[in-house]
C-alpha cells in the first residue's frame, strides 16, 4: 500500500500566510496589530525554546511580541498579579502561559485568570465549557491543528469512526470533542483501555496522543486508516513519536511523520487563535 505522508510544514505555512494577511488587513483598516503576551516562569530549557519559537512566529506574522519572563521562585501572588495586569492591558489581545509551571504554582488558578477571549491556548474553564457545549470559542492549538490537517487532506469525518489514544486536558479530551463536532463517532482510549490494539484497529481515523514512544505499531492500525501522531520524544537515535512510523508507513493510508507532522501546526494555530482573539476584541 502506498501511504500518503502528511506534510504538516506545508499546511502550517499556509495557516501562517493566512494569519499574516489577516493581520495586514486589520492594521490597514486602522486597528492595532494583535499583541501576544507569552508568559514564561522559570528557566526550563525546553520551555525557553518553545517560547522563543512562538515569539519569532508572532513577529513574523506582523503581531506585537509582549513577552514577560518571571524567575522560578515567583510566588503565586506575584504570578497572579502579572496575569491580571495583562488581562487589563488593552494592547494585549492574547495571553499564553507556558506550561509546565514550577511545581509550587497553581496552574489552573493562573489560567482561569485569563479572560476567555484572550485565552489563545483555549485552556480556561470557560473555553473548555464552550467547546463541550459546541459554542464558539478559542480552541486548544494542537487539536485544532489536527482538524486543520484532516481538512487540508480532505479526510471525511462525518460518520467516520475516530479513535483517540490519550485523555489529557491539553490534547486528548479536546481532540475527542472537536472530532465529535465534525460528526465522527469517537472512542477515547486511555491507560485502562482493554486490548488497546483491537480498539485502534477499528478506527478510520486514529489520533495518538498517549505520550508513550512507539505505543502504536502496525498491529493496531487498520489497513488504509488515517493515523495522526501527536507524540514527540527525544531518544538516543533521534526523535520519534507515539507511532512506530517505519512499521506503520506501509499499512496506513495517511500518516503524519515526527517531526514535520502535527508539531508545526501547534504554533500555526496559536497564531490563528491570536488573530481570532484580536478580532473578537
Protein backbone atom coordinates (compact mmCIF):
# COMPACT_ATOMS: atom_id res chain seq x y z
CA UNK A 1 0.00 0.00 0.00
CA UNK A 2 1.19 3.50 -0.85
CA UNK A 3 0.90 5.71 2.20
CA UNK A 4 0.40 9.48 1.93
CA UNK A 5 2.79 11.14 4.35
CA UNK A 6 1.01 14.23 5.67
CA UNK A 7 3.09 17.40 5.30
CA UNK A 8 2.47 19.45 8.44
CA UNK A 9 5.08 22.02 7.46
CA UNK A 10 3.22 22.82 4.24
CA UNK A 11 -0.17 23.19 5.91
CA UNK A 12 1.31 25.19 8.79
CA UNK A 13 2.89 27.63 6.34
CA UNK A 14 -0.47 28.13 4.66
CA UNK A 15 -2.03 28.94 8.03
CA UNK A 16 0.81 31.37 8.81
CA UNK A 17 0.31 33.08 5.45
CA UNK A 18 -3.43 33.41 6.12
CA UNK A 19 -2.70 34.91 9.54
CA UNK A 20 -0.18 37.39 8.13
CA UNK A 21 -2.76 38.51 5.56
CA UNK A 22 -5.37 38.84 8.30
CA UNK A 23 -3.05 40.94 10.45
CA UNK A 24 -2.26 43.19 7.49
CA UNK A 25 -5.97 43.63 6.83
CA UNK A 26 -6.57 44.62 10.45
CA UNK A 27 -3.80 47.20 10.51
CA UNK A 28 -4.70 48.57 7.07
CA UNK A 29 -8.17 49.26 8.44
CA UNK A 30 -6.73 51.29 11.29
CA UNK A 31 -6.72 48.68 14.05
CA UNK A 32 -3.65 47.94 16.14
CA UNK A 33 -1.74 44.75 15.39
CA UNK A 34 -2.59 41.84 17.71
CA UNK A 35 -0.39 41.73 20.80
CA UNK A 36 0.62 38.32 22.16
CA UNK A 37 1.87 38.17 25.75
CA UNK A 38 3.78 34.94 26.30
CA UNK A 39 4.47 34.31 29.98
CA UNK A 40 7.48 32.20 30.95
CA UNK A 41 8.08 31.46 34.63
CA UNK A 42 11.42 29.87 35.49
CA UNK A 43 14.29 28.75 33.28
CA UNK A 44 13.27 25.36 31.89
CA UNK A 45 15.37 24.96 28.71
CA UNK A 46 12.63 23.26 26.68
CA UNK A 47 10.09 25.90 27.66
CA UNK A 48 12.54 28.64 26.70
CA UNK A 49 12.93 27.12 23.23
CA UNK A 50 9.17 26.75 22.77
CA UNK A 51 8.52 30.34 23.83
CA UNK A 52 11.31 31.68 21.64
CA UNK A 53 9.82 29.91 18.61
CA UNK A 54 6.35 31.27 19.40
CA UNK A 55 7.67 34.81 19.76
CA UNK A 56 9.56 34.59 16.47
CA UNK A 57 6.47 33.32 14.66
CA UNK A 58 4.40 36.08 16.23
CA UNK A 59 6.62 38.89 14.95
CA UNK A 60 6.99 37.25 11.53
CA UNK A 61 3.20 37.37 11.18
CA UNK A 62 3.20 41.10 11.98
CA UNK A 63 1.99 40.79 15.57
CA UNK A 64 3.42 42.54 18.63
CA UNK A 65 5.62 40.47 20.93
CA UNK A 66 4.71 41.41 24.53
CA UNK A 67 6.68 38.67 26.27
CA UNK A 68 7.07 38.57 30.05
CA UNK A 69 9.54 36.43 31.99
CA UNK A 70 9.42 35.80 35.74
CA UNK A 71 12.03 33.94 37.85
CA UNK A 72 11.44 30.40 39.04
CA UNK A 73 10.90 31.49 42.65
CA UNK A 74 7.98 33.74 41.71
CA UNK A 75 5.16 33.42 44.22
CA UNK A 76 1.57 32.57 43.35
CA UNK A 77 0.54 36.11 44.29
CA UNK A 78 3.18 37.64 42.00
CA UNK A 79 2.22 35.39 39.10
CA UNK A 80 -1.47 36.19 39.56
CA UNK A 81 -0.69 39.92 39.65
CA UNK A 82 1.08 39.65 36.28
CA UNK A 83 -1.81 37.77 34.66
CA UNK A 84 -4.29 40.34 35.99
CA UNK A 85 -2.09 43.14 34.64
CA UNK A 86 -2.02 41.54 31.18
CA UNK A 87 -5.74 40.80 31.32
CA UNK A 88 -6.45 44.50 31.82
CA UNK A 89 -3.94 45.79 29.25
CA UNK A 90 -5.62 46.98 26.05
CA UNK A 91 -2.52 46.33 23.94
CA UNK A 92 -2.55 42.66 24.98
CA UNK A 93 -5.06 40.76 22.85
CA UNK A 94 -3.73 37.26 23.60
CA UNK A 95 -2.17 35.66 26.68
CA UNK A 96 -0.26 32.38 26.75
CA UNK A 97 1.16 30.92 29.94
CA UNK A 98 3.88 28.43 29.01
CA UNK A 99 3.37 25.08 30.72
CA UNK A 100 4.55 23.29 32.77
CA UNK A 101 4.96 25.80 35.57
CA UNK A 102 7.22 25.39 38.62
CA UNK A 103 5.59 22.88 40.97
CA UNK A 104 4.76 25.38 43.70
CA UNK A 105 2.42 27.35 41.40
CA UNK A 106 -1.28 26.59 40.83
CA UNK A 107 -1.50 26.47 37.03
CA UNK A 108 -5.29 26.05 36.92
CA UNK A 109 -5.78 29.15 39.04
CA UNK A 110 -3.47 31.21 36.82
CA UNK A 111 -5.10 30.02 33.60
CA UNK A 112 -8.55 30.89 34.85
CA UNK A 113 -7.45 34.48 35.44
CA UNK A 114 -7.03 34.86 31.67
CA UNK A 115 -10.11 36.44 30.04
CA UNK A 116 -11.62 33.78 27.75
CA UNK A 117 -11.33 36.00 24.68
CA UNK A 118 -7.59 36.44 25.36
CA UNK A 119 -7.07 32.72 26.07
CA UNK A 120 -5.17 31.83 22.90
CA UNK A 121 -4.30 28.35 24.25
CA UNK A 122 -8.01 27.58 24.74
CA UNK A 123 -7.39 26.13 28.21
CA UNK A 124 -9.51 28.23 30.56
CA UNK A 125 -12.50 26.57 32.21
CA UNK A 126 -14.89 28.80 30.27
CA UNK A 127 -13.37 27.99 26.88
CA UNK A 128 -13.31 24.30 27.81
CA UNK A 129 -17.01 24.57 28.61
CA UNK A 130 -17.71 26.39 25.35
CA UNK A 131 -16.03 23.56 23.46
CA UNK A 132 -18.00 20.92 25.35
CA UNK A 133 -21.27 22.70 24.56
CA UNK A 134 -20.40 23.38 20.93
CA UNK A 135 -20.33 27.15 21.44
CA UNK A 136 -17.90 29.46 19.60
CA UNK A 137 -14.62 30.00 21.41
CA UNK A 138 -10.85 29.68 21.20
CA UNK A 139 -9.78 26.04 20.81
CA UNK A 140 -6.63 24.28 22.07
CA UNK A 141 -3.95 24.69 19.43
CA UNK A 142 -2.75 21.13 18.88
CA UNK A 143 -6.20 19.50 18.47
CA UNK A 144 -7.29 22.41 16.27
CA UNK A 145 -4.16 21.82 14.18
CA UNK A 146 -5.07 18.16 13.73
CA UNK A 147 -8.52 19.14 12.45
CA UNK A 148 -6.91 21.59 10.02
CA UNK A 149 -4.60 18.85 8.71
CA UNK A 150 -7.54 16.49 8.16
CA UNK A 151 -9.45 19.24 6.35
CA UNK A 152 -6.49 20.01 4.10
CA UNK A 153 -6.17 16.36 3.08
CA UNK A 154 -9.93 16.04 2.51
CA UNK A 155 -10.41 13.39 5.19
CA UNK A 156 -14.14 12.95 5.65
CA UNK A 157 -15.05 12.78 9.33
CA UNK A 158 -18.83 12.64 9.09
CA UNK A 159 -19.84 9.13 10.11
CA UNK A 160 -16.22 8.00 10.46
CA UNK A 161 -15.05 6.06 13.50
CA UNK A 162 -12.31 8.08 15.16
CA UNK A 163 -10.21 6.65 17.97
CA UNK A 164 -8.19 8.98 20.22
CA UNK A 165 -5.47 7.45 22.37
CA UNK A 166 -4.83 9.62 25.42
CA UNK A 167 -7.23 11.68 27.52
CA UNK A 168 -5.11 14.66 28.57
CA UNK A 169 -6.74 18.04 29.08
CA UNK A 170 -4.29 19.56 26.60
CA UNK A 171 -4.87 17.20 23.67
CA UNK A 172 -6.90 14.01 24.11
CA UNK A 173 -10.15 15.31 25.55
CA UNK A 174 -10.49 18.41 23.34
CA UNK A 175 -9.46 16.29 20.37
CA UNK A 176 -12.35 13.93 21.01
CA UNK A 177 -14.75 16.87 21.29
CA UNK A 178 -13.55 18.50 18.08
CA UNK A 179 -13.90 15.22 16.20
CA UNK A 180 -17.40 14.78 17.62
CA UNK A 181 -18.26 18.28 16.41
CA UNK A 182 -17.28 17.09 12.91
CA UNK A 183 -19.87 14.28 13.21
CA UNK A 184 -17.35 11.49 13.79
CA UNK A 185 -18.16 8.65 16.18
CA UNK A 186 -15.40 8.87 18.75
CA UNK A 187 -13.79 6.33 21.08
CA UNK A 188 -11.47 7.81 23.70
CA UNK A 189 -8.81 5.38 24.95
CA UNK A 190 -6.53 5.64 27.97
CA UNK A 191 -4.25 3.59 30.19
CA UNK A 192 -7.16 1.44 31.44
CA UNK A 193 -8.49 0.57 27.99
CA UNK A 194 -8.66 -3.20 27.50
CA UNK A 195 -7.00 -4.54 24.33
CA UNK A 196 -5.88 -1.16 23.02
CA UNK A 197 -4.66 -2.62 19.73
CA UNK A 198 -8.06 -4.13 18.95
CA UNK A 199 -9.83 -0.84 19.63
CA UNK A 200 -7.35 1.10 17.50
CA UNK A 201 -7.81 -1.35 14.62
CA UNK A 202 -11.46 -0.29 14.40
CA UNK A 203 -10.53 3.31 13.60
CA UNK A 204 -10.97 5.04 10.28
CA UNK A 205 -9.06 7.93 11.84
CA UNK A 206 -6.60 7.19 14.65
CA UNK A 207 -5.16 10.08 16.69
CA UNK A 208 -2.41 9.02 19.09
CA UNK A 209 -1.55 11.38 21.95
CA UNK A 210 -0.51 8.94 24.65
CA UNK A 211 2.92 10.35 25.45
CA UNK A 212 4.48 6.87 25.10
CA UNK A 213 7.12 6.28 22.41
CA UNK A 214 6.05 3.84 19.68
CA UNK A 215 2.99 2.65 21.60
CA UNK A 216 1.11 2.10 18.32
CA UNK A 217 2.54 -0.36 15.80
CA UNK A 218 1.15 -1.95 12.62
CA UNK A 219 -0.90 -4.48 14.57
CA UNK A 220 -3.01 -1.57 15.91
CA UNK A 221 -3.73 0.02 12.52
CA UNK A 222 -6.47 -0.98 10.11
CA UNK A 223 -5.07 -1.01 6.54
CA UNK A 224 -5.87 2.30 4.88
CA UNK A 225 -6.63 4.18 8.12
CA UNK A 226 -5.60 7.79 8.66
CA UNK A 227 -3.06 7.92 11.51
CA UNK A 228 -2.19 11.17 13.27
CA UNK A 229 0.79 11.03 15.65
CA UNK A 230 0.77 13.84 18.23
CA UNK A 231 3.66 12.47 20.30
CA UNK A 232 7.27 13.58 20.12
CA UNK A 233 10.15 12.06 22.09
CA UNK A 234 13.90 12.56 22.06
CA UNK A 235 15.77 9.25 22.12
CA UNK A 236 19.34 8.13 21.67
CA UNK A 237 18.68 7.58 17.97
CA UNK A 238 16.78 10.82 17.36
CA UNK A 239 13.19 11.99 17.54
CA UNK A 240 10.25 9.60 17.44
CA UNK A 241 6.53 9.75 18.03
CA UNK A 242 3.86 7.65 19.71
CA UNK A 243 3.50 5.71 16.44
CA UNK A 244 6.23 3.40 15.12
CA UNK A 245 6.46 5.26 11.81
CA UNK A 246 8.68 2.88 9.83
CA UNK A 247 6.50 -0.10 10.73
CA UNK A 248 3.17 1.64 10.14
CA UNK A 249 4.03 3.57 6.98
CA UNK A 250 3.07 0.70 4.67
CA UNK A 251 -0.18 -0.03 6.50
CA UNK A 252 -1.83 3.36 6.99
CA UNK A 253 -3.49 5.22 4.15
CA UNK A 254 -2.24 8.53 5.56
CA UNK A 255 0.32 9.10 8.29
CA UNK A 256 1.97 12.08 9.98
CA UNK A 257 5.76 11.98 10.43
CA UNK A 258 7.67 13.05 13.54
CA UNK A 259 8.99 15.66 13.21
CA UNK A 260 7.18 17.60 10.49
CA UNK A 261 3.62 16.45 11.10
CA UNK A 262 1.46 17.80 13.89
CA UNK A 263 4.26 19.81 15.55
CA UNK A 264 4.37 22.74 13.10
CA UNK A 265 0.59 23.06 13.31
CA UNK A 266 0.60 23.91 17.02
CA UNK A 267 2.36 27.26 16.63
CA UNK A 268 0.45 27.98 13.41
CA UNK A 269 -2.87 27.54 15.21
CA UNK A 270 -1.59 29.67 18.10
CA UNK A 271 -1.12 32.49 15.59
CA UNK A 272 -4.57 31.83 14.17
CA UNK A 273 -6.07 31.98 17.66
CA UNK A 274 -4.23 35.21 18.40
CA UNK A 275 -5.67 36.83 15.30
CA UNK A 276 -9.12 35.49 16.16
CA UNK A 277 -8.79 36.87 19.69
CA UNK A 278 -7.87 40.32 18.37
CA UNK A 279 -10.88 40.31 16.07
CA UNK A 280 -13.15 39.33 18.95
CA UNK A 281 -11.91 42.30 20.95
